[in-house]
Amino acid sequence: MKIGEQKLYHFDGDNLEKVYVISTSLREPSCLENSQGTPTGLHEIADKIGAGEEPGMVFIGRKPTGWTWEETPLDYAGRNLVTSRILRLRGLEPGHNAGPGCDSYDRFIYIHGTNHPRQLGRPQTAGCPVLSDEDVIELFDKVPEGSLVWVEE
């Protein structure tokens, strides 16, 4: 994943499978707790959440709400929502993106779908990399838990 390009590169071994347009944080990349920056460095997909849920399903606290972002209640309108699928990241670099004060897993950093697909390709989030619902479902179905994710500025 290259933050500066707003792209996620999916490799299978040495073969580039697909390039996805993403959006990352509105703030500078950062691994620090409460920074709202997209964390850099080596990560793994620790948890896959949402298999079989309807495209556009909204998740709160990693649980499906039962409604899609097109059906969003007014009190959630305008928010950046977690939609369709969640690929939760765990940092693998102690002191950088793993451990006290900088832990990507504890910060709840996910690759997930977005209810703002027209804004993909430019920064828009509070730290998480986001894809279109269609793309996050496709990626979710292709990569197993434990897959490595490299995030660079």
Foldseek 3Di string as FASTA:
>chain_A
DEQVFQWFFDDDVPRTDDIFFKAFAPDDAALFAPPLHAAFFKKFQADKAQPPHDQQFFDDPSHTPPDGPVPDDPVCPPPWTFTQIWRQIFHDDPPRQPDPRGTSNVNRATEGETPCQVPTRYHDGSHHIYGHSVVVNVVSVVDDGGHMGGYYD
